Protein backbone atom coordinates (compact mmCIF):
# COMPACT_ATOMS: atom_id res chain seq x y z
CA UNK A 1 -2.94 -10.84 -6.53
CA UNK A 2 -5.23 -13.70 -5.56
CA UNK A 3 -3.59 -14.79 -2.30
CA UNK A 4 -3.53 -13.55 1.27
CA UNK A 5 -0.39 -15.55 2.06
CA UNK A 6 1.89 -12.96 3.74
CA UNK A 7 4.94 -14.22 1.83
CA UNK A 8 3.19 -13.82 -1.52
CA UNK A 9 1.75 -10.42 -0.57
CA UNK A 10 5.18 -9.14 0.48
CA UNK A 11 6.68 -10.57 -2.71
CA UNK A 12 4.09 -8.72 -4.81
CA UNK A 13 4.86 -5.42 -3.07
CA UNK A 14 8.60 -6.03 -3.43
CA UNK A 15 8.24 -6.89 -7.13
CA UNK A 16 6.25 -3.71 -7.78
CA UNK A 17 8.74 -1.54 -5.91
CA UNK A 18 11.66 -3.17 -7.72
CA UNK A 19 9.98 -2.49 -11.05
CA UNK A 20 9.31 1.14 -10.16
CA UNK A 21 12.93 1.59 -9.07
CA UNK A 22 14.50 -0.05 -12.13
CA UNK A 23 16.51 2.81 -13.69
CA UNK A 24 15.67 1.54 -17.19
CA UNK A 25 11.95 1.80 -16.52
CA UNK A 26 11.71 4.58 -13.94
CA UNK A 27 8.99 6.99 -15.01
CA UNK A 28 8.16 4.92 -18.10
CA UNK A 29 5.73 2.31 -16.78
CA UNK A 30 2.18 2.31 -15.50
CA UNK A 31 1.46 -0.30 -12.82
CA UNK A 32 -1.85 -1.67 -11.60
CA UNK A 33 -2.31 -4.01 -8.64
CA UNK A 34 -5.57 -5.94 -8.80
CA UNK A 35 -6.71 -8.00 -5.83
CA UNK A 36 -9.28 -10.76 -6.13
CA UNK A 37 -10.13 -14.10 -4.55
CA UNK A 38 -7.90 -14.55 -1.46
CA UNK A 39 -6.12 -11.27 -2.20
CA UNK A 40 -9.31 -9.48 -1.14
CA UNK A 41 -8.19 -9.86 2.49
CA UNK A 42 -5.23 -7.57 1.78
CA UNK A 43 -7.72 -4.72 1.24
CA UNK A 44 -9.69 -5.23 4.46
CA UNK A 45 -9.42 -2.32 6.91
CA UNK A 46 -8.00 -4.63 9.57
CA UNK A 47 -5.20 -5.97 7.36
CA UNK A 48 -1.55 -5.24 8.03
CA UNK A 49 -1.03 -3.71 4.57
CA UNK A 50 -2.50 -0.22 4.81
CA UNK A 51 0.83 1.62 4.72
CA UNK A 52 2.25 -0.60 1.97
CA UNK A 53 -0.80 0.06 -0.20
CA UNK A 54 -0.71 3.81 0.44
CA UNK A 55 2.97 3.94 -0.49
CA UNK A 56 2.24 2.19 -3.79
CA UNK A 57 -0.55 4.65 -4.54
CA UNK A 58 1.74 7.57 -3.71
CA UNK A 59 4.14 6.18 -6.33
CA UNK A 60 1.35 6.21 -8.93
CA UNK A 61 0.31 2.56 -8.76
CA UNK A 62 -3.36 1.91 -9.50
CA UNK A 63 -4.71 -0.28 -6.67
CA UNK A 64 -8.09 -1.91 -7.26
CA UNK A 65 -10.29 -4.65 -5.85
CA UNK A 66 -12.53 -7.05 -7.76
CA UNK A 67 -16.19 -6.52 -6.82
CA UNK A 68 -17.08 -10.10 -7.80
CA UNK A 69 -14.81 -11.29 -4.98
CA UNK A 70 -16.56 -8.95 -2.55
CA UNK A 71 -19.92 -10.48 -3.43
CA UNK A 72 -18.58 -14.02 -3.22
CA UNK A 73 -17.19 -13.33 0.26
CA UNK A 74 -20.24 -11.40 1.52
CA UNK A 75 -18.19 -8.22 1.98
CA UNK A 76 -19.13 -4.60 1.36
CA UNK A 77 -16.94 -1.72 0.22
CA UNK A 78 -17.14 0.03 3.60
CA UNK A 79 -15.14 -2.88 5.08
CA UNK A 80 -12.20 -2.14 2.79
CA UNK A 81 -9.77 0.77 2.69
CA UNK A 82 -11.41 3.90 1.37
CA UNK A 83 -8.43 4.84 -0.80
CA UNK A 84 -8.64 1.90 -3.24
CA UNK A 85 -10.48 1.56 -6.52
CA UNK A 86 -12.71 -1.20 -7.84
CA UNK A 87 -13.09 -3.24 -11.00
CA UNK A 88 -16.10 -5.45 -11.79
CA UNK A 89 -13.95 -8.53 -12.37
CA UNK A 90 -10.30 -9.12 -11.50
CA UNK A 91 -9.80 -11.58 -14.32
CA UNK A 92 -11.73 -9.30 -16.66
CA UNK A 93 -9.34 -6.47 -15.82
CA UNK A 94 -6.37 -8.73 -16.55
CA UNK A 95 -7.85 -9.76 -19.91
CA UNK A 96 -8.59 -6.14 -20.87
CA UNK A 97 -5.12 -4.94 -19.83
CA UNK A 98 -3.49 -7.85 -21.65
CA UNK A 99 -5.40 -6.99 -24.82
CA UNK A 100 -4.17 -3.41 -24.46
CA UNK A 101 -0.60 -4.70 -24.51
CA UNK A 102 0.09 -4.69 -20.78
CA UNK A 103 2.36 -7.37 -19.36
CA UNK A 104 0.72 -9.39 -16.59
CA UNK A 105 3.11 -10.28 -13.75
CA UNK A 106 1.90 -12.57 -10.99
CA UNK A 107 3.91 -12.92 -7.78
């Protein structure tokens, strides 16, 4: 997710939850939410998305932030939620996952 637009953020959360609740896929998929660029703001401690993110994690979703985007925005990890993970590059993570056969879905 590379946007902090509330409509796009809510759509991403809805899409993930819909996927996890699809009876054909329930318990058969692994989901990862990567935030980068504008999506970085979703992970800030003062964002409105703490509960949404925690609920995704409780459902087994991997939630991670791109550290390149932190550097570009002059942010440090202590400014973000302490329950998220990190990847060196958001796009790098997408390329690696795609090469592993994952399907990339963008809201």
